[in-house]
Amino acid sequence: MALVVAGSLGRRYASASIAQPHLVAGGTACGIITVADLTCQGVVQRDPENGIDWRRTAGLAVFGAWHYGGPCKGLYLLYDRVLGNSPTLRTAASKMVLDVYVH
């Protein structure tokens, strides 16, 4: 049952990502970065005196939504147009080299 639900969610996420790639990428990045920052502040950088720095978390969330939903997603879509999107090691390696060493 859980695998069926997970598969269904995965297919819906993939469909939404194809239909609205920038919006989905921005929303995903915003959520992941928000949870990561709250986890970091709550577990690693515990500050019982001041608590959670919500301004920092909001700043990171906005940056994640804007950067990963805008220019970064556009760049990844450009990689697919220029290098192709075939599932080969050569294509993946080319995208990785561009992303890591140029971007």
PDB file of N, CA and C in Angstrom:
ATOM      1  N   MET A   1       0.818  -1.200   0.000  1.00  0.00           N
ATOM      2  CA  MET A   1       0.000   0.000   0.000  1.00  0.00           C
ATOM      3  C   MET A   1       0.859   1.261   0.000  1.00  0.00           C
ATOM      4  N   ALA A   2       1.865   1.300   0.882  1.00  0.00           N
ATOM      5  CA  ALA A   2       2.726   2.481   0.957  1.00  0.00           C
ATOM      6  C   ALA A   2       3.480   2.700  -0.350  1.00  0.00           C
ATOM      7  N   LEU A   3       3.900   1.610  -1.002  1.00  0.00           N
ATOM      8  CA  LEU A   3       4.612   1.738  -2.278  1.00  0.00           C
ATOM      9  C   LEU A   3       3.701   2.272  -3.373  1.00  0.00           C
ATOM     10  N   VAL A   4       2.445   1.891  -3.350  1.00  0.00           N
ATOM     11  CA  VAL A   4       1.481   2.380  -4.336  1.00  0.00           C
ATOM     12  C   VAL A   4       1.285   3.880  -4.159  1.00  0.00           C
ATOM     13  N   VAL A   5       1.124   4.321  -2.922  1.00  0.00           N
ATOM     14  CA  VAL A   5       0.942   5.741  -2.634  1.00  0.00           C
ATOM     15  C   VAL A   5       2.200   6.513  -3.019  1.00  0.00           C
ATOM     16  N   ALA A   6       3.368   5.992  -2.669  1.00  0.00           N
ATOM     17  CA  ALA A   6       4.620   6.660  -3.012  1.00  0.00           C
ATOM     18  C   ALA A   6       4.788   6.752  -4.523  1.00  0.00           C
ATOM     19  N   GLY A   7       4.442   5.691  -5.230  1.00  0.00           N
ATOM     20  CA  GLY A   7       4.535   5.708  -6.685  1.00  0.00           C
ATOM     21  C   GLY A   7       3.589   6.733  -7.291  1.00  0.00           C
ATOM     22  N   SER A   8       2.388   6.807  -6.753  1.00  0.00           N
ATOM     23  CA  SER A   8       1.406   7.772  -7.236  1.00  0.00           C
ATOM     24  C   SER A   8       1.876   9.209  -6.989  1.00  0.00           C
ATOM     25  N   LEU A   9       2.395   9.461  -5.802  1.00  0.00           N
ATOM     26  CA  LEU A   9       2.922  10.801  -5.498  1.00  0.00           C
ATOM     27  C   LEU A   9       4.091  11.149  -6.406  1.00  0.00           C
ATOM     28  N   GLY A  10       4.960  10.165  -6.643  1.00  0.00           N
ATOM     29  CA  GLY A  10       6.106  10.393  -7.516  1.00  0.00           C
ATOM     30  C   GLY A  10       5.676  10.739  -8.934  1.00  0.00           C
ATOM     31  N   ARG A  11       4.672  10.044  -9.447  1.00  0.00           N
ATOM     32  CA  ARG A  11       4.173  10.332 -10.795  1.00  0.00           C
ATOM     33  C   ARG A  11       3.526  11.707 -10.861  1.00  0.00           C
ATOM     34  N   ARG A  12       2.762  12.066  -9.834  1.00  0.00           N
ATOM     35  CA  ARG A  12       2.129  13.393  -9.818  1.00  0.00           C
ATOM     36  C   ARG A  12       3.173  14.498  -9.716  1.00  0.00           C
ATOM     37  N   TYR A  13       4.209  14.266  -8.910  1.00  0.00           N
ATOM     38  CA  TYR A  13       5.285  15.255  -8.792  1.00  0.00           C
ATOM     39  C   TYR A  13       5.995  15.413 -10.137  1.00  0.00           C
ATOM     40  N   ALA A  14       6.285  14.298 -10.812  1.00  0.00           N
ATOM     41  CA  ALA A  14       6.951  14.350 -12.114  1.00  0.00           C
ATOM     42  C   ALA A  14       6.090  15.080 -13.140  1.00  0.00           C
ATOM     43  N   SER A  15       4.793  14.827 -13.142  1.00  0.00           N
ATOM     44  CA  SER A  15       3.886  15.515 -14.075  1.00  0.00           C
ATOM     45  C   SER A  15       3.858  17.009 -13.805  1.00  0.00           C
ATOM     46  N   ALA A  16       3.768  17.382 -12.534  1.00  0.00           N
ATOM     47  CA  ALA A  16       3.765  18.804 -12.171  1.00  0.00           C
ATOM     48  C   ALA A  16       5.095  19.458 -12.545  1.00  0.00           C
ATOM     49  N   SER A  17       6.178  18.728 -12.376  1.00  0.00           N
ATOM     50  CA  SER A  17       7.502  19.263 -12.701  1.00  0.00           C
ATOM     51  C   SER A  17       7.654  19.514 -14.193  1.00  0.00           C
ATOM     52  N   ILE A  18       7.044  18.674 -15.005  1.00  0.00           N
ATOM     53  CA  ILE A  18       7.090  18.871 -16.455  1.00  0.00           C
ATOM     54  C   ILE A  18       6.201  20.043 -16.854  1.00  0.00           C
ATOM     55  N   ALA A  19       5.033  20.136 -16.240  1.00  0.00           N
ATOM     56  CA  ALA A  19       4.080  21.196 -16.583  1.00  0.00           C
ATOM     57  C   ALA A  19       4.548  22.575 -16.092  1.00  0.00           C
ATOM     58  N   GLN A  20       5.091  22.643 -14.901  1.00  0.00           N
ATOM     59  CA  GLN A  20       5.527  23.911 -14.289  1.00  0.00           C
ATOM     60  C   GLN A  20       6.925  23.736 -13.689  1.00  0.00           C
ATOM     61  N   PRO A  21       7.961  23.589 -14.514  1.00  0.00           N
ATOM     62  CA  PRO A  21       9.284  23.232 -13.977  1.00  0.00           C
ATOM     63  C   PRO A  21       9.869  24.258 -13.005  1.00  0.00           C
ATOM     64  N   HIS A  22       9.706  25.529 -13.286  1.00  0.00           N
ATOM     65  CA  HIS A  22      10.296  26.552 -12.411  1.00  0.00           C
ATOM     66  C   HIS A  22       9.562  26.634 -11.075  1.00  0.00           C
ATOM     67  N   LEU A  23       8.239  26.567 -11.120  1.00  0.00           N
ATOM     68  CA  LEU A  23       7.445  26.637  -9.899  1.00  0.00           C
ATOM     69  C   LEU A  23       7.720  25.440  -8.988  1.00  0.00           C
ATOM     70  N   VAL A  24       7.754  24.251  -9.564  1.00  0.00           N
ATOM     71  CA  VAL A  24       7.988  23.043  -8.768  1.00  0.00           C
ATOM     72  C   VAL A  24       9.411  23.027  -8.217  1.00  0.00           C
ATOM     73  N   ALA A  25      10.393  23.410  -9.035  1.00  0.00           N
ATOM     74  CA  ALA A  25      11.780  23.442  -8.554  1.00  0.00           C
ATOM     75  C   ALA A  25      11.936  24.459  -7.429  1.00  0.00           C
ATOM     76  N   GLY A  26      11.324  25.624  -7.580  1.00  0.00           N
ATOM     77  CA  GLY A  26      11.399  26.644  -6.536  1.00  0.00           C
ATOM     78  C   GLY A  26      10.719  26.213  -5.258  1.00  0.00           C
ATOM     79  N   GLY A  27       9.543  25.607  -5.372  1.00  0.00           N
ATOM     80  CA  GLY A  27       8.828  25.128  -4.190  1.00  0.00           C
ATOM     81  C   GLY A  27       9.564  24.008  -3.478  1.00  0.00           C
ATOM     82  N   THR A  28      10.126  23.091  -4.265  1.00  0.00           N
ATOM     83  CA  THR A  28      10.888  21.989  -3.684  1.00  0.00           C
ATOM     84  C   THR A  28      12.116  22.509  -2.947  1.00  0.00           C
ATOM     85  N   ALA A  29      12.861  23.388  -3.594  1.00  0.00           N
ATOM     86  CA  ALA A  29      14.069  23.941  -2.970  1.00  0.00           C
ATOM     87  C   ALA A  29      13.717  24.732  -1.718  1.00  0.00           C
ATOM     88  N   CYS A  30      12.651  25.508  -1.783  1.00  0.00           N
ATOM     89  CA  CYS A  30      12.215  26.287  -0.617  1.00  0.00           C
ATOM     90  C   CYS A  30      11.921  25.368   0.561  1.00  0.00           C
ATOM     91  N   GLY A  31      11.199  24.302   0.311  1.00  0.00           N
ATOM     92  CA  GLY A  31      10.859  23.359   1.380  1.00  0.00           C
ATOM     93  C   GLY A  31      12.075  22.650   1.945  1.00  0.00           C
ATOM     94  N   ILE A  32      12.943  22.177   1.070  1.00  0.00           N
ATOM     95  CA  ILE A  32      14.129  21.446   1.529  1.00  0.00           C
ATOM     96  C   ILE A  32      15.060  22.359   2.314  1.00  0.00           C
ATOM     97  N   ILE A  33      15.302  23.558   1.810  1.00  0.00           N
ATOM     98  CA  ILE A  33      16.213  24.478   2.492  1.00  0.00           C
ATOM     99  C   ILE A  33      15.628  24.940   3.828  1.00  0.00           C
ATOM    100  N   THR A  34      14.318  25.159   3.886  1.00  0.00           N
ATOM    101  CA  THR A  34      13.682  25.559   5.143  1.00  0.00           C
ATOM    102  C   THR A  34      13.840  24.474   6.199  1.00  0.00           C
ATOM    103  N   VAL A  35      13.528  23.237   5.839  1.00  0.00           N
ATOM    104  CA  VAL A  35      13.651  22.134   6.790  1.00  0.00           C
ATOM    105  C   VAL A  35      15.111  21.932   7.195  1.00  0.00           C
ATOM    106  N   ALA A  36      16.025  22.039   6.235  1.00  0.00           N
ATOM    107  CA  ALA A  36      17.445  21.865   6.544  1.00  0.00           C
ATOM    108  C   ALA A  36      17.933  22.941   7.516  1.00  0.00           C
ATOM    109  N   ASP A  37      17.525  24.190   7.302  1.00  0.00           N
ATOM    110  CA  ASP A  37      17.973  25.258   8.198  1.00  0.00           C
ATOM    111  C   ASP A  37      17.374  25.100   9.593  1.00  0.00           C
ATOM    112  N   LEU A  38      16.089  24.752   9.663  1.00  0.00           N
ATOM    113  CA  LEU A  38      15.475  24.546  10.980  1.00  0.00           C
ATOM    114  C   LEU A  38      16.122  23.379  11.717  1.00  0.00           C
ATOM    115  N   THR A  39      16.467  22.336  10.984  1.00  0.00           N
ATOM    116  CA  THR A  39      17.160  21.202  11.594  1.00  0.00           C
ATOM    117  C   THR A  39      18.529  21.628  12.096  1.00  0.00           C
ATOM    118  N   CYS A  40      19.236  22.379  11.278  1.00  0.00           N
ATOM    119  CA  CYS A  40      20.569  22.855  11.674  1.00  0.00           C
ATOM    120  C   CYS A  40      20.487  23.725  12.927  1.00  0.00           C
ATOM    121  N   GLN A  41      19.549  24.644  12.933  1.00  0.00           N
ATOM    122  CA  GLN A  41      19.423  25.528  14.097  1.00  0.00           C
ATOM    123  C   GLN A  41      18.942  24.779  15.340  1.00  0.00           C
ATOM    124  N   GLY A  42      18.107  23.793  15.151  1.00  0.00           N
ATOM    125  CA  GLY A  42      17.554  23.073  16.288  1.00  0.00           C
ATOM    126  C   GLY A  42      18.457  21.988  16.847  1.00  0.00           C
ATOM    127  N   VAL A  43      19.316  21.420  16.003  1.00  0.00           N
ATOM    128  CA  VAL A  43      20.138  20.293  16.425  1.00  0.00           C
ATOM    129  C   VAL A  43      21.604  20.684  16.555  1.00  0.00           C
ATOM    130  N   VAL A  44      22.146  21.318  15.550  1.00  0.00           N
ATOM    131  CA  VAL A  44      23.585  21.596  15.519  1.00  0.00           C
ATOM    132  C   VAL A  44      23.927  22.909  16.219  1.00  0.00           C
ATOM    133  N   GLN A  45      23.194  23.944  15.929  1.00  0.00           N
ATOM    134  CA  GLN A  45      23.504  25.273  16.468  1.00  0.00           C
ATOM    135  C   GLN A  45      22.494  25.686  17.536  1.00  0.00           C
ATOM    136  N   ARG A  46      22.221  24.822  18.456  1.00  0.00           N
ATOM    137  CA  ARG A  46      21.209  25.112  19.484  1.00  0.00           C
ATOM    138  C   ARG A  46      21.555  26.388  20.231  1.00  0.00           C
ATOM    139  N   ASP A  47      20.586  27.274  20.295  1.00  0.00           N
ATOM    140  CA  ASP A  47      20.755  28.533  21.023  1.00  0.00           C
ATOM    141  C   ASP A  47      19.542  28.707  21.943  1.00  0.00           C
ATOM    142  N   PRO A  48      19.605  28.086  23.136  1.00  0.00           N
ATOM    143  CA  PRO A  48      18.443  28.138  24.033  1.00  0.00           C
ATOM    144  C   PRO A  48      18.063  29.562  24.438  1.00  0.00           C
ATOM    145  N   GLU A  49      19.023  30.457  24.406  1.00  0.00           N
ATOM    146  CA  GLU A  49      18.760  31.826  24.824  1.00  0.00           C
ATOM    147  C   GLU A  49      17.898  32.580  23.812  1.00  0.00           C
ATOM    148  N   ASN A  50      18.217  32.425  22.515  1.00  0.00           N
ATOM    149  CA  ASN A  50      17.523  33.184  21.478  1.00  0.00           C
ATOM    150  C   ASN A  50      16.566  32.352  20.622  1.00  0.00           C
ATOM    151  N   GLY A  51      16.665  31.050  20.669  1.00  0.00           N
ATOM    152  CA  GLY A  51      15.773  30.189  19.888  1.00  0.00           C
ATOM    153  C   GLY A  51      16.103  30.189  18.403  1.00  0.00           C
ATOM    154  N   ILE A  52      15.088  29.974  17.600  1.00  0.00           N
ATOM    155  CA  ILE A  52      15.236  29.889  16.143  1.00  0.00           C
ATOM    156  C   ILE A  52      15.344  31.296  15.558  1.00  0.00           C
ATOM    157  N   ASP A  53      16.280  31.483  14.651  1.00  0.00           N
ATOM    158  CA  ASP A  53      16.414  32.750  13.928  1.00  0.00           C
ATOM    159  C   ASP A  53      15.516  32.671  12.686  1.00  0.00           C
ATOM    160  N   TRP A  54      14.276  33.120  12.839  1.00  0.00           N
ATOM    161  CA  TRP A  54      13.283  33.011  11.768  1.00  0.00           C
ATOM    162  C   TRP A  54      13.634  33.893  10.576  1.00  0.00           C
ATOM    163  N   ARG A  55      14.308  34.999  10.816  1.00  0.00           N
ATOM    164  CA  ARG A  55      14.699  35.879   9.704  1.00  0.00           C
ATOM    165  C   ARG A  55      15.706  35.164   8.803  1.00  0.00           C
ATOM    166  N   ARG A  56      16.659  34.464   9.407  1.00  0.00           N
ATOM    167  CA  ARG A  56      17.637  33.691   8.646  1.00  0.00           C
ATOM    168  C   ARG A  56      16.934  32.604   7.838  1.00  0.00           C
ATOM    169  N   THR A  57      16.020  31.883   8.478  1.00  0.00           N
ATOM    170  CA  THR A  57      15.287  30.813   7.801  1.00  0.00           C
ATOM    171  C   THR A  57      14.474  31.368   6.637  1.00  0.00           C
ATOM    172  N   ALA A  58      13.806  32.489   6.834  1.00  0.00           N
ATOM    173  CA  ALA A  58      13.021  33.100   5.757  1.00  0.00           C
ATOM    174  C   ALA A  58      13.922  33.532   4.602  1.00  0.00           C
ATOM    175  N   GLY A  59      15.068  34.103   4.927  1.00  0.00           N
ATOM    176  CA  GLY A  59      16.009  34.513   3.883  1.00  0.00           C
ATOM    177  C   GLY A  59      16.493  33.341   3.047  1.00  0.00           C
ATOM    178  N   LEU A  60      16.822  32.251   3.718  1.00  0.00           N
ATOM    179  CA  LEU A  60      17.263  31.056   2.995  1.00  0.00           C
ATOM    180  C   LEU A  60      16.131  30.469   2.156  1.00  0.00           C
ATOM    181  N   ALA A  61      14.909  30.489   2.689  1.00  0.00           N
ATOM    182  CA  ALA A  61      13.759  29.959   1.954  1.00  0.00           C
ATOM    183  C   ALA A  61      13.504  30.770   0.682  1.00  0.00           C
ATOM    184  N   VAL A  62      13.548  32.083   0.803  1.00  0.00           N
ATOM    185  CA  VAL A  62      13.336  32.945  -0.364  1.00  0.00           C
ATOM    186  C   VAL A  62      14.452  32.744  -1.386  1.00  0.00           C
ATOM    187  N   PHE A  63      15.695  32.676  -0.921  1.00  0.00           N
ATOM    188  CA  PHE A  63      16.805  32.439  -1.841  1.00  0.00           C
ATOM    189  C   PHE A  63      16.628  31.106  -2.559  1.00  0.00           C
ATOM    190  N   GLY A  64      16.278  30.055  -1.828  1.00  0.00           N
ATOM    191  CA  GLY A  64      16.102  28.744  -2.443  1.00  0.00           C
ATOM    192  C   GLY A  64      15.018  28.763  -3.499  1.00  0.00           C
ATOM    193  N   ALA A  65      13.873  29.371  -3.174  1.00  0.00           N
ATOM    194  CA  ALA A  65      12.769  29.436  -4.129  1.00  0.00           C
ATOM    195  C   ALA A  65      13.165  30.236  -5.366  1.00  0.00           C
ATOM    196  N   TRP A  66      13.801  31.371  -5.175  1.00  0.00           N
ATOM    197  CA  TRP A  66      14.163  32.220  -6.309  1.00  0.00           C
ATOM    198  C   TRP A  66      15.293  31.598  -7.134  1.00  0.00           C
ATOM    199  N   HIS A  67      16.388  31.236  -6.485  1.00  0.00           N
ATOM    200  CA  HIS A  67      17.565  30.766  -7.224  1.00  0.00           C
ATOM    201  C   HIS A  67      17.321  29.428  -7.918  1.00  0.00           C
ATOM    202  N   TYR A  68      16.793  28.461  -7.186  1.00  0.00           N
ATOM    203  CA  TYR A  68      16.601  27.139  -7.780  1.00  0.00           C
ATOM    204  C   TYR A  68      15.382  27.090  -8.696  1.00  0.00           C
ATOM    205  N   GLY A  69      14.404  27.933  -8.455  1.00  0.00           N
ATOM    206  CA  GLY A  69      13.234  27.972  -9.323  1.00  0.00           C
ATOM    207  C   GLY A  69      13.443  28.818 -10.564  1.00  0.00           C
ATOM    208  N   GLY A  70      14.375  29.749 -10.501  1.00  0.00           N
ATOM    209  CA  GLY A  70      14.621  30.650 -11.632  1.00  0.00           C
ATOM    210  C   GLY A  70      15.858  30.294 -12.417  1.00  0.00           C
ATOM    211  N   PRO A  71      16.967  30.983 -12.121  1.00  0.00           N
ATOM    212  CA  PRO A  71      18.164  30.804 -12.946  1.00  0.00           C
ATOM    213  C   PRO A  71      18.723  29.380 -12.940  1.00  0.00           C
ATOM    214  N   CYS A  72      18.685  28.717 -11.824  1.00  0.00           N
ATOM    215  CA  CYS A  72      19.274  27.381 -11.742  1.00  0.00           C
ATOM    216  C   CYS A  72      18.459  26.377 -12.570  1.00  0.00           C
ATOM    217  N   LYS A  73      17.139  26.402 -12.446  1.00  0.00           N
ATOM    218  CA  LYS A  73      16.303  25.493 -13.232  1.00  0.00           C
ATOM    219  C   LYS A  73      16.433  25.811 -14.715  1.00  0.00           C
ATOM    220  N   GLY A  74      16.502  27.083 -15.051  1.00  0.00           N
ATOM    221  CA  GLY A  74      16.710  27.472 -16.446  1.00  0.00           C
ATOM    222  C   GLY A  74      18.018  26.928 -16.995  1.00  0.00           C
ATOM    223  N   LEU A  75      19.054  26.965 -16.179  1.00  0.00           N
ATOM    224  CA  LEU A  75      20.351  26.440 -16.593  1.00  0.00           C
ATOM    225  C   LEU A  75      20.285  24.930 -16.814  1.00  0.00           C
ATOM    226  N   TYR A  76      19.612  24.208 -15.914  1.00  0.00           N
ATOM    227  CA  TYR A  76      19.495  22.756 -16.076  1.00  0.00           C
ATOM    228  C   TYR A  76      18.671  22.391 -17.308  1.00  0.00           C
ATOM    229  N   LEU A  77      17.639  23.172 -17.621  1.00  0.00           N
ATOM    230  CA  LEU A  77      16.873  22.929 -18.843  1.00  0.00           C
ATOM    231  C   LEU A  77      17.724  23.226 -20.078  1.00  0.00           C
ATOM    232  N   LEU A  78      18.594  24.221 -19.980  1.00  0.00           N
ATOM    233  CA  LEU A  78      19.513  24.532 -21.082  1.00  0.00           C
ATOM    234  C   LEU A  78      20.499  23.391 -21.298  1.00  0.00           C
ATOM    235  N   TYR A  79      20.989  22.798 -20.222  1.00  0.00           N
ATOM    236  CA  TYR A  79      21.868  21.628 -20.356  1.00  0.00           C
ATOM    237  C   TYR A  79      21.190  20.554 -21.197  1.00  0.00           C
ATOM    238  N   ASP A  80      19.910  20.299 -20.925  1.00  0.00           N
ATOM    239  CA  ASP A  80      19.180  19.275 -21.670  1.00  0.00           C
ATOM    240  C   ASP A  80      19.052  19.643 -23.144  1.00  0.00           C
ATOM    241  N   ARG A  81      18.798  20.928 -23.432  1.00  0.00           N
ATOM    242  CA  ARG A  81      18.663  21.349 -24.832  1.00  0.00           C
ATOM    243  C   ARG A  81      19.986  21.260 -25.577  1.00  0.00           C
ATOM    244  N   VAL A  82      21.073  21.654 -24.921  1.00  0.00           N
ATOM    245  CA  VAL A  82      22.381  21.682 -25.583  1.00  0.00           C
ATOM    246  C   VAL A  82      23.023  20.299 -25.635  1.00  0.00           C
ATOM    247  N   LEU A  83      22.987  19.574 -24.525  1.00  0.00           N
ATOM    248  CA  LEU A  83      23.687  18.284 -24.440  1.00  0.00           C
ATOM    249  C   LEU A  83      22.778  17.084 -24.675  1.00  0.00           C
ATOM    250  N   GLY A  84      21.477  17.316 -24.729  1.00  0.00           N
ATOM    251  CA  GLY A  84      20.536  16.210 -24.879  1.00  0.00           C
ATOM    252  C   GLY A  84      20.152  15.667 -23.516  1.00  0.00           C
ATOM    253  N   ASN A  85      19.154  14.821 -23.518  1.00  0.00           N
ATOM    254  CA  ASN A  85      18.731  14.248 -22.239  1.00  0.00           C
ATOM    255  C   ASN A  85      18.706  12.727 -22.290  1.00  0.00           C
ATOM    256  N   SER A  86      19.591  12.160 -23.090  1.00  0.00           N
ATOM    257  CA  SER A  86      19.671  10.702 -23.144  1.00  0.00           C
ATOM    258  C   SER A  86      20.315  10.180 -21.858  1.00  0.00           C
ATOM    259  N   PRO A  87      19.874   9.019 -21.387  1.00  0.00           N
ATOM    260  CA  PRO A  87      20.402   8.488 -20.124  1.00  0.00           C
ATOM    261  C   PRO A  87      21.727   7.744 -20.305  1.00  0.00           C
ATOM    262  N   THR A  88      22.719   8.463 -20.821  1.00  0.00           N
ATOM    263  CA  THR A  88      24.025   7.835 -21.015  1.00  0.00           C
ATOM    264  C   THR A  88      25.023   8.429 -20.028  1.00  0.00           C
ATOM    265  N   LEU A  89      26.069   7.678 -19.780  1.00  0.00           N
ATOM    266  CA  LEU A  89      27.114   8.141 -18.871  1.00  0.00           C
ATOM    267  C   LEU A  89      27.799   9.388 -19.425  1.00  0.00           C
ATOM    268  N   ARG A  90      27.988   9.439 -20.737  1.00  0.00           N
ATOM    269  CA  ARG A  90      28.650  10.592 -21.356  1.00  0.00           C
ATOM    270  C   ARG A  90      27.832  11.873 -21.154  1.00  0.00           C
ATOM    271  N   THR A  91      26.520  11.794 -21.372  1.00  0.00           N
ATOM    272  CA  THR A  91      25.657  12.962 -21.182  1.00  0.00           C
ATOM    273  C   THR A  91      25.664  13.401 -19.723  1.00  0.00           C
ATOM    274  N   ALA A  92      25.528  12.449 -18.820  1.00  0.00           N
ATOM    275  CA  ALA A  92      25.526  12.775 -17.387  1.00  0.00           C
ATOM    276  C   ALA A  92      26.856  13.384 -16.963  1.00  0.00           C
ATOM    277  N   ALA A  93      27.956  12.833 -17.451  1.00  0.00           N
ATOM    278  CA  ALA A  93      29.279  13.348 -17.093  1.00  0.00           C
ATOM    279  C   ALA A  93      29.478  14.757 -17.647  1.00  0.00           C
ATOM    280  N   SER A  94      28.991  15.005 -18.856  1.00  0.00           N
ATOM    281  CA  SER A  94      29.123  16.344 -19.453  1.00  0.00           C
ATOM    282  C   SER A  94      28.356  17.379 -18.632  1.00  0.00           C
ATOM    283  N   LYS A  95      27.145  17.022 -18.231  1.00  0.00           N
ATOM    284  CA  LYS A  95      26.348  17.942 -17.416  1.00  0.00           C
ATOM    285  C   LYS A  95      27.007  18.180 -16.059  1.00  0.00           C
ATOM    286  N   MET A  96      27.560  17.135 -15.482  1.00  0.00           N
ATOM    287  CA  MET A  96      28.225  17.254 -14.186  1.00  0.00           C
ATOM    288  C   MET A  96      29.439  18.179 -14.286  1.00  0.00           C
ATOM    289  N   VAL A  97      30.242  18.023 -15.324  1.00  0.00           N
ATOM    290  CA  VAL A  97      31.428  18.868 -15.484  1.00  0.00           C
ATOM    291  C   VAL A  97      31.020  20.325 -15.656  1.00  0.00           C
ATOM    292  N   LEU A  98      30.012  20.593 -16.481  1.00  0.00           N
ATOM    293  CA  LEU A  98      29.524  21.961 -16.640  1.00  0.00           C
ATOM    294  C   LEU A  98      28.995  22.528 -15.325  1.00  0.00           C
ATOM    295  N   ASP A  99      28.216  21.728 -14.604  1.00  0.00           N
ATOM    296  CA  ASP A  99      27.607  22.214 -13.385  1.00  0.00           C
ATOM    297  C   ASP A  99      28.637  22.452 -12.286  1.00  0.00           C
ATOM    298  N   VAL A 100      29.571  21.551 -12.135  1.00  0.00           N
ATOM    299  CA  VAL A 100      30.537  21.648 -11.035  1.00  0.00           C
ATOM    300  C   VAL A 100      31.661  22.646 -11.341  1.00  0.00           C
ATOM    301  N   TYR A 101      32.180  22.611 -12.561  1.00  0.00           N
ATOM    302  CA  TYR A 101      33.375  23.405 -12.850  1.00  0.00           C
ATOM    303  C   TYR A 101      33.108  24.722 -13.547  1.00  0.00           C
ATOM    304  N   VAL A 102      31.955  24.871 -14.208  1.00  0.00           N
ATOM    305  CA  VAL A 102      31.659  26.133 -14.885  1.00  0.00           C
ATOM    306  C   VAL A 102      30.625  26.922 -14.083  1.00  0.00           C
ATOM    307  N   HIS A 103      29.534  26.278 -13.721  1.00  0.00           N
ATOM    308  CA  HIS A 103      28.465  26.954 -12.977  1.00  0.00           C
ATOM    309  C   HIS A 103      28.906  27.190 -11.560  1.00  0.00           C
TER     310      HIS A 103
END
